[in-house]
PDB file of N, CA and C in Angstrom:
ATOM      1  N   MET A   1     -18.326   1.030  -4.006  1.00  0.00           N
ATOM      2  CA  MET A   1     -17.175   1.240  -4.865  1.00  0.00           C
ATOM      3  C   MET A   1     -15.902   0.726  -4.193  1.00  0.00           C
ATOM      4  N   LYS A   2     -15.795   0.982  -2.884  1.00  0.00           N
ATOM      5  CA  LYS A   2     -14.601   0.558  -2.167  1.00  0.00           C
ATOM      6  C   LYS A   2     -14.512  -0.969  -2.112  1.00  0.00           C
ATOM      7  N   LYS A   3     -15.659  -1.636  -1.936  1.00  0.00           N
ATOM      8  CA  LYS A   3     -15.664  -3.099  -1.904  1.00  0.00           C
ATOM      9  C   LYS A   3     -15.242  -3.682  -3.246  1.00  0.00           C
ATOM     10  N   ILE A   4     -15.705  -3.067  -4.323  1.00  0.00           N
ATOM     11  CA  ILE A   4     -15.379  -3.571  -5.654  1.00  0.00           C
ATOM     12  C   ILE A   4     -13.880  -3.449  -5.921  1.00  0.00           C
ATOM     13  N   LEU A   5     -13.306  -2.289  -5.589  1.00  0.00           N
ATOM     14  CA  LEU A   5     -11.868  -2.105  -5.792  1.00  0.00           C
ATOM     15  C   LEU A   5     -11.057  -3.051  -4.915  1.00  0.00           C
ATOM     16  N   PHE A   6     -11.524  -3.301  -3.693  1.00  0.00           N
ATOM     17  CA  PHE A   6     -10.829  -4.223  -2.801  1.00  0.00           C
ATOM     18  C   PHE A   6     -10.853  -5.637  -3.376  1.00  0.00           C
ATOM     19  N   ARG A   7     -11.995  -6.050  -3.912  1.00  0.00           N
ATOM     20  CA  ARG A   7     -12.088  -7.390  -4.497  1.00  0.00           C
ATOM     21  C   ARG A   7     -11.206  -7.518  -5.728  1.00  0.00           C
ATOM     22  N   ILE A   8     -11.169  -6.485  -6.546  1.00  0.00           N
ATOM     23  CA  ILE A   8     -10.301  -6.507  -7.731  1.00  0.00           C
ATOM     24  C   ILE A   8      -8.836  -6.596  -7.312  1.00  0.00           C
ATOM     25  N   ALA A   9      -8.442  -5.831  -6.309  1.00  0.00           N
ATOM     26  CA  ALA A   9      -7.056  -5.843  -5.832  1.00  0.00           C
ATOM     27  C   ALA A   9      -6.689  -7.214  -5.265  1.00  0.00           C
ATOM     28  N   MET A  10      -7.579  -7.810  -4.488  1.00  0.00           N
ATOM     29  CA  MET A  10      -7.294  -9.126  -3.921  1.00  0.00           C
ATOM     30  C   MET A  10      -7.211 -10.197  -5.007  1.00  0.00           C
ATOM     31  N   THR A  11      -8.053 -10.088  -6.034  1.00  0.00           N
ATOM     32  CA  THR A  11      -8.005 -11.042  -7.145  1.00  0.00           C
ATOM     33  C   THR A  11      -6.680 -10.910  -7.899  1.00  0.00           C
ATOM     34  N   LEU A  12      -6.255  -9.677  -8.170  1.00  0.00           N
ATOM     35  CA  LEU A  12      -4.973  -9.477  -8.853  1.00  0.00           C
ATOM     36  C   LEU A  12      -3.809  -9.982  -8.004  1.00  0.00           C
ATOM     37  N   LEU A  13      -3.884  -9.768  -6.692  1.00  0.00           N
ATOM     38  CA  LEU A  13      -2.833 -10.255  -5.799  1.00  0.00           C
ATOM     39  C   LEU A  13      -2.764 -11.781  -5.829  1.00  0.00           C
ATOM     40  N   LEU A  14      -3.920 -12.419  -5.827  1.00  0.00           N
ATOM     41  CA  LEU A  14      -3.960 -13.883  -5.901  1.00  0.00           C
ATOM     42  C   LEU A  14      -3.384 -14.372  -7.223  1.00  0.00           C
ATOM     43  N   PHE A  15      -3.722 -13.708  -8.334  1.00  0.00           N
ATOM     44  CA  PHE A  15      -3.183 -14.093  -9.635  1.00  0.00           C
ATOM     45  C   PHE A  15      -1.670 -13.921  -9.685  1.00  0.00           C
ATOM     46  N   ILE A  16      -1.151 -12.884  -9.062  1.00  0.00           N
ATOM     47  CA  ILE A  16       0.297 -12.676  -9.062  1.00  0.00           C
ATOM     48  C   ILE A  16       0.987 -13.775  -8.265  1.00  0.00           C
ATOM     49  N   PHE A  17       0.413 -14.160  -7.118  1.00  0.00           N
ATOM     50  CA  PHE A  17       1.002 -15.259  -6.351  1.00  0.00           C
ATOM     51  C   PHE A  17       0.982 -16.565  -7.147  1.00  0.00           C
ATOM     52  N   ILE A  18      -0.117 -16.816  -7.820  1.00  0.00           N
ATOM     53  CA  ILE A  18      -0.195 -18.021  -8.649  1.00  0.00           C
ATOM     54  C   ILE A  18       0.834 -17.954  -9.777  1.00  0.00           C
ATOM     55  N   ALA A  19       0.995 -16.789 -10.386  1.00  0.00           N
ATOM     56  CA  ALA A  19       1.967 -16.629 -11.466  1.00  0.00           C
ATOM     57  C   ALA A  19       3.390 -16.837 -10.964  1.00  0.00           C
ATOM     58  N   ILE A  20       3.684 -16.374  -9.749  1.00  0.00           N
ATOM     59  CA  ILE A  20       5.028 -16.576  -9.191  1.00  0.00           C
ATOM     60  C   ILE A  20       5.307 -18.060  -9.005  1.00  0.00           C
ATOM     61  N   VAL A  21       4.357 -18.768  -8.427  1.00  0.00           N
ATOM     62  CA  VAL A  21       4.537 -20.217  -8.215  1.00  0.00           C
ATOM     63  C   VAL A  21       4.670 -20.932  -9.557  1.00  0.00           C
ATOM     64  N   LEU A  22       3.860 -20.550 -10.507  1.00  0.00           N
ATOM     65  CA  LEU A  22       3.917 -21.177 -11.822  1.00  0.00           C
ATOM     66  C   LEU A  22       5.254 -20.895 -12.518  1.00  0.00           C
ATOM     67  N   CYS A  23       5.759 -19.682 -12.380  1.00  0.00           N
ATOM     68  CA  CYS A  23       7.054 -19.345 -12.983  1.00  0.00           C
ATOM     69  C   CYS A  23       8.187 -20.146 -12.356  1.00  0.00           C
ATOM     70  N   PHE A  24       8.144 -20.331 -11.042  1.00  0.00           N
ATOM     71  CA  PHE A  24       9.168 -21.159 -10.412  1.00  0.00           C
ATOM     72  C   PHE A  24       9.036 -22.609 -10.860  1.00  0.00           C
ATOM     73  N   TYR A  25       7.818 -23.085 -11.012  1.00  0.00           N
ATOM     74  CA  TYR A  25       7.603 -24.470 -11.451  1.00  0.00           C
ATOM     75  C   TYR A  25       8.116 -24.691 -12.870  1.00  0.00           C
ATOM     76  N   LEU A  26       7.952 -23.694 -13.725  1.00  0.00           N
ATOM     77  CA  LEU A  26       8.383 -23.808 -15.116  1.00  0.00           C
ATOM     78  C   LEU A  26       9.833 -23.353 -15.342  1.00  0.00           C
ATOM     79  N   ASN A  27      10.567 -23.124 -14.266  1.00  0.00           N
ATOM     80  CA  ASN A  27      11.969 -22.705 -14.317  1.00  0.00           C
ATOM     81  C   ASN A  27      12.161 -21.370 -15.014  1.00  0.00           C
ATOM     82  N   GLN A  28      11.221 -20.472 -14.866  1.00  0.00           N
ATOM     83  CA  GLN A  28      11.315 -19.110 -15.396  1.00  0.00           C
ATOM     84  C   GLN A  28      11.613 -18.173 -14.226  1.00  0.00           C
ATOM     85  N   PHE A  29      12.821 -18.287 -13.712  1.00  0.00           N
ATOM     86  CA  PHE A  29      13.175 -17.573 -12.492  1.00  0.00           C
ATOM     87  C   PHE A  29      13.199 -16.055 -12.668  1.00  0.00           C
ATOM     88  N   THR A  30      13.600 -15.595 -13.839  1.00  0.00           N
ATOM     89  CA  THR A  30      13.657 -14.155 -14.079  1.00  0.00           C
ATOM     90  C   THR A  30      12.283 -13.525 -13.956  1.00  0.00           C
ATOM     91  N   TYR A  31      11.287 -14.153 -14.561  1.00  0.00           N
ATOM     92  CA  TYR A  31       9.922 -13.624 -14.472  1.00  0.00           C
ATOM     93  C   TYR A  31       9.389 -13.694 -13.039  1.00  0.00           C
ATOM     94  N   ALA A  32       9.704 -14.786 -12.350  1.00  0.00           N
ATOM     95  CA  ALA A  32       9.230 -14.945 -10.978  1.00  0.00           C
ATOM     96  C   ALA A  32       9.819 -13.864 -10.075  1.00  0.00           C
ATOM     97  N   TYR A  33      11.116 -13.637 -10.188  1.00  0.00           N
ATOM     98  CA  TYR A  33      11.728 -12.595  -9.358  1.00  0.00           C
ATOM     99  C   TYR A  33      11.250 -11.203  -9.764  1.00  0.00           C
ATOM    100  N   GLY A  34      10.962 -11.022 -11.037  1.00  0.00           N
ATOM    101  CA  GLY A  34      10.385  -9.753 -11.479  1.00  0.00           C
ATOM    102  C   GLY A  34       9.020  -9.508 -10.846  1.00  0.00           C
ATOM    103  N   LEU A  35       8.183 -10.543 -10.789  1.00  0.00           N
ATOM    104  CA  LEU A  35       6.873 -10.410 -10.149  1.00  0.00           C
ATOM    105  C   LEU A  35       7.002 -10.163  -8.650  1.00  0.00           C
ATOM    106  N   ILE A  36       8.000 -10.785  -8.034  1.00  0.00           N
ATOM    107  CA  ILE A  36       8.240 -10.540  -6.607  1.00  0.00           C
ATOM    108  C   ILE A  36       8.638  -9.085  -6.389  1.00  0.00           C
ATOM    109  N   MET A  37       9.459  -8.549  -7.282  1.00  0.00           N
ATOM    110  CA  MET A  37       9.841  -7.139  -7.167  1.00  0.00           C
ATOM    111  C   MET A  37       8.640  -6.216  -7.363  1.00  0.00           C
ATOM    112  N   VAL A  38       7.740  -6.578  -8.270  1.00  0.00           N
ATOM    113  CA  VAL A  38       6.521  -5.780  -8.454  1.00  0.00           C
ATOM    114  C   VAL A  38       5.704  -5.771  -7.169  1.00  0.00           C
ATOM    115  N   LEU A  39       5.555  -6.939  -6.540  1.00  0.00           N
ATOM    116  CA  LEU A  39       4.828  -6.997  -5.263  1.00  0.00           C
ATOM    117  C   LEU A  39       5.509  -6.157  -4.199  1.00  0.00           C
ATOM    118  N   PHE A  40       6.828  -6.227  -4.140  1.00  0.00           N
ATOM    119  CA  PHE A  40       7.572  -5.440  -3.157  1.00  0.00           C
ATOM    120  C   PHE A  40       7.358  -3.949  -3.375  1.00  0.00           C
ATOM    121  N   ILE A  41       7.413  -3.517  -4.621  1.00  0.00           N
ATOM    122  CA  ILE A  41       7.229  -2.092  -4.926  1.00  0.00           C
ATOM    123  C   ILE A  41       5.812  -1.647  -4.573  1.00  0.00           C
ATOM    124  N   VAL A  42       4.819  -2.476  -4.864  1.00  0.00           N
ATOM    125  CA  VAL A  42       3.429  -2.131  -4.543  1.00  0.00           C
ATOM    126  C   VAL A  42       3.243  -2.007  -3.035  1.00  0.00           C
ATOM    127  N   PHE A  43       3.748  -2.983  -2.276  1.00  0.00           N
ATOM    128  CA  PHE A  43       3.583  -2.934  -0.822  1.00  0.00           C
ATOM    129  C   PHE A  43       4.378  -1.793  -0.199  1.00  0.00           C
ATOM    130  N   ALA A  44       5.551  -1.506  -0.736  1.00  0.00           N
ATOM    131  CA  ALA A  44       6.332  -0.375  -0.227  1.00  0.00           C
ATOM    132  C   ALA A  44       5.620   0.940  -0.511  1.00  0.00           C
ATOM    133  N   GLY A  45       5.027   1.051  -1.680  1.00  0.00           N
ATOM    134  CA  GLY A  45       4.269   2.253  -2.017  1.00  0.00           C
ATOM    135  C   GLY A  45       3.053   2.428  -1.123  1.00  0.00           C
ATOM    136  N   MET A  46       2.372   1.339  -0.822  1.00  0.00           N
ATOM    137  CA  MET A  46       1.214   1.416   0.080  1.00  0.00           C
ATOM    138  C   MET A  46       1.657   1.862   1.470  1.00  0.00           C
ATOM    139  N   GLY A  47       2.804   1.376   1.924  1.00  0.00           N
ATOM    140  CA  GLY A  47       3.322   1.780   3.221  1.00  0.00           C
ATOM    141  C   GLY A  47       3.675   3.257   3.259  1.00  0.00           C
ATOM    142  N   GLN A  48       4.271   3.740   2.187  1.00  0.00           N
ATOM    143  CA  GLN A  48       4.619   5.158   2.133  1.00  0.00           C
ATOM    144  C   GLN A  48       3.376   6.035   2.097  1.00  0.00           C
ATOM    145  N   LEU A  49       2.341   5.598   1.396  1.00  0.00           N
ATOM    146  CA  LEU A  49       1.101   6.371   1.360  1.00  0.00           C
ATOM    147  C   LEU A  49       0.432   6.423   2.725  1.00  0.00           C
ATOM    148  N   SER A  50       0.431   5.304   3.442  1.00  0.00           N
ATOM    149  CA  SER A  50      -0.176   5.315   4.773  1.00  0.00           C
ATOM    150  C   SER A  50       0.647   6.160   5.741  1.00  0.00           C
ATOM    151  N   LYS A  51       1.972   6.145   5.606  1.00  0.00           N
ATOM    152  CA  LYS A  51       2.822   6.986   6.443  1.00  0.00           C
ATOM    153  C   LYS A  51       2.558   8.458   6.164  1.00  0.00           C
ATOM    154  N   LEU A  52       2.440   8.818   4.887  1.00  0.00           N
ATOM    155  CA  LEU A  52       2.159  10.194   4.510  1.00  0.00           C
ATOM    156  C   LEU A  52       0.800  10.639   5.035  1.00  0.00           C
ATOM    157  N   LYS A  53      -0.196   9.770   4.948  1.00  0.00           N
ATOM    158  CA  LYS A  53      -1.533  10.095   5.449  1.00  0.00           C
ATOM    159  C   LYS A  53      -1.503  10.304   6.961  1.00  0.00           C
ATOM    160  N   ASN A  54      -0.746   9.475   7.666  1.00  0.00           N
ATOM    161  CA  ASN A  54      -0.622   9.607   9.112  1.00  0.00           C
ATOM    162  C   ASN A  54       0.073  10.907   9.486  1.00  0.00           C
ATOM    163  N   GLU A  55       1.139  11.258   8.775  1.00  0.00           N
ATOM    164  CA  GLU A  55       1.857  12.496   9.066  1.00  0.00           C
ATOM    165  C   GLU A  55       0.990  13.717   8.784  1.00  0.00           C
ATOM    166  N   GLU A  56       0.189  13.664   7.731  1.00  0.00           N
ATOM    167  CA  GLU A  56      -0.713  14.770   7.424  1.00  0.00           C
ATOM    168  C   GLU A  56      -1.767  14.929   8.522  1.00  0.00           C
ATOM    169  N   TYR A  57      -2.301  13.808   8.988  1.00  0.00           N
ATOM    170  CA  TYR A  57      -3.290  13.844  10.069  1.00  0.00           C
ATOM    171  C   TYR A  57      -2.695  14.447  11.341  1.00  0.00           C
ATOM    172  N   MET A  58      -1.483  14.019  11.683  1.00  0.00           N
ATOM    173  CA  MET A  58      -0.852  14.536  12.904  1.00  0.00           C
ATOM    174  C   MET A  58      -0.531  16.024  12.765  1.00  0.00           C
ATOM    175  N   TYR A  59      -0.124  16.479  11.595  1.00  0.00           N
ATOM    176  CA  TYR A  59       0.157  17.891  11.369  1.00  0.00           C
ATOM    177  C   TYR A  59      -1.103  18.725  11.569  1.00  0.00           C
ATOM    178  N   HIS A  60      -2.211  18.281  10.987  1.00  0.00           N
ATOM    179  CA  HIS A  60      -3.463  19.018  11.137  1.00  0.00           C
ATOM    180  C   HIS A  60      -3.957  18.977  12.577  1.00  0.00           C
ATOM    181  N   LYS A  61      -3.766  17.849  13.232  1.00  0.00           N
ATOM    182  CA  LYS A  61      -4.210  17.716  14.625  1.00  0.00           C
ATOM    183  C   LYS A  61      -3.430  18.666  15.531  1.00  0.00           C
ATOM    184  N   LEU A  62      -2.128  18.755  15.330  1.00  0.00           N
ATOM    185  CA  LEU A  62      -1.322  19.648  16.166  1.00  0.00           C
ATOM    186  C   LEU A  62      -1.630  21.115  15.897  1.00  0.00           C
ATOM    187  N   ASN A  63      -1.874  21.463  14.653  1.00  0.00           N
ATOM    188  CA  ASN A  63      -2.185  22.852  14.327  1.00  0.00           C
ATOM    189  C   ASN A  63      -3.551  23.268  14.854  1.00  0.00           C
ATOM    190  N   ARG A  64      -4.512  22.366  14.850  1.00  0.00           N
ATOM    191  CA  ARG A  64      -5.831  22.701  15.385  1.00  0.00           C
ATOM    192  C   ARG A  64      -5.771  22.920  16.887  1.00  0.00           C
ATOM    193  N   SER A  65      -4.964  22.143  17.589  1.00  0.00           N
ATOM    194  CA  SER A  65      -4.898  22.295  19.047  1.00  0.00           C
ATOM    195  C   SER A  65      -4.251  23.628  19.426  1.00  0.00           C
ATOM    196  N   ASP A  66      -3.277  24.110  18.636  1.00  0.00           N
ATOM    197  CA  ASP A  66      -2.667  25.402  18.937  1.00  0.00           C
ATOM    198  C   ASP A  66      -3.669  26.535  18.763  1.00  0.00           C
ATOM    199  N   GLU A  67      -4.468  26.497  17.723  1.00  0.00           N
ATOM    200  CA  GLU A  67      -5.480  27.532  17.508  1.00  0.00           C
ATOM    201  C   GLU A  67      -6.512  27.488  18.625  1.00  0.00           C
ATOM    202  N   TYR A  68      -6.889  26.316  19.049  1.00  0.00           N
ATOM    203  CA  TYR A  68      -7.892  26.191  20.108  1.00  0.00           C
ATOM    204  C   TYR A  68      -7.372  26.804  21.408  1.00  0.00           C
ATOM    205  N   GLU A  69      -6.125  26.527  21.732  1.00  0.00           N
ATOM    206  CA  GLU A  69      -5.554  27.076  22.968  1.00  0.00           C
ATOM    207  C   GLU A  69      -5.421  28.588  22.891  1.00  0.00           C
ATOM    208  N   ASP A  70      -5.124  29.158  21.728  1.00  0.00           N
ATOM    209  CA  ASP A  70      -5.021  30.598  21.574  1.00  0.00           C
ATOM    210  C   ASP A  70      -6.363  31.286  21.832  1.00  0.00           C
ATOM    211  N   TYR A  71      -7.426  30.682  21.369  1.00  0.00           N
ATOM    212  CA  TYR A  71      -8.743  31.326  21.535  1.00  0.00           C
ATOM    213  C   TYR A  71      -9.338  31.108  22.914  1.00  0.00           C
ATOM    214  N   THR A  72      -8.948  30.079  23.618  1.00  0.00           N
ATOM    215  CA  THR A  72      -9.554  29.791  24.923  1.00  0.00           C
ATOM    216  C   THR A  72      -8.808  30.443  26.079  1.00  0.00           C
ATOM    217  N   ARG A  73      -7.648  30.982  25.849  1.00  0.00           N
ATOM    218  CA  ARG A  73      -6.893  31.597  26.964  1.00  0.00           C
ATOM    219  C   ARG A  73      -7.250  33.032  27.149  1.00  0.00           C
TER     220      ARG A  73
END
């Protein structure tokens, strides 16, 4: 399932890049910049999700170590 979603995402990303180049070629700058903004928002959202996942992992890791030290002392 993960491979299929990854392939779909990469195909859509490739189509968006092709659409951006095509829009610039056809002098449709508004659409091209709009697609660039969509890519920016998607990548920024992915970055925020990975940051949130990392912070959640570190929170759980720190809380587990405190409980472990309480029981072993």
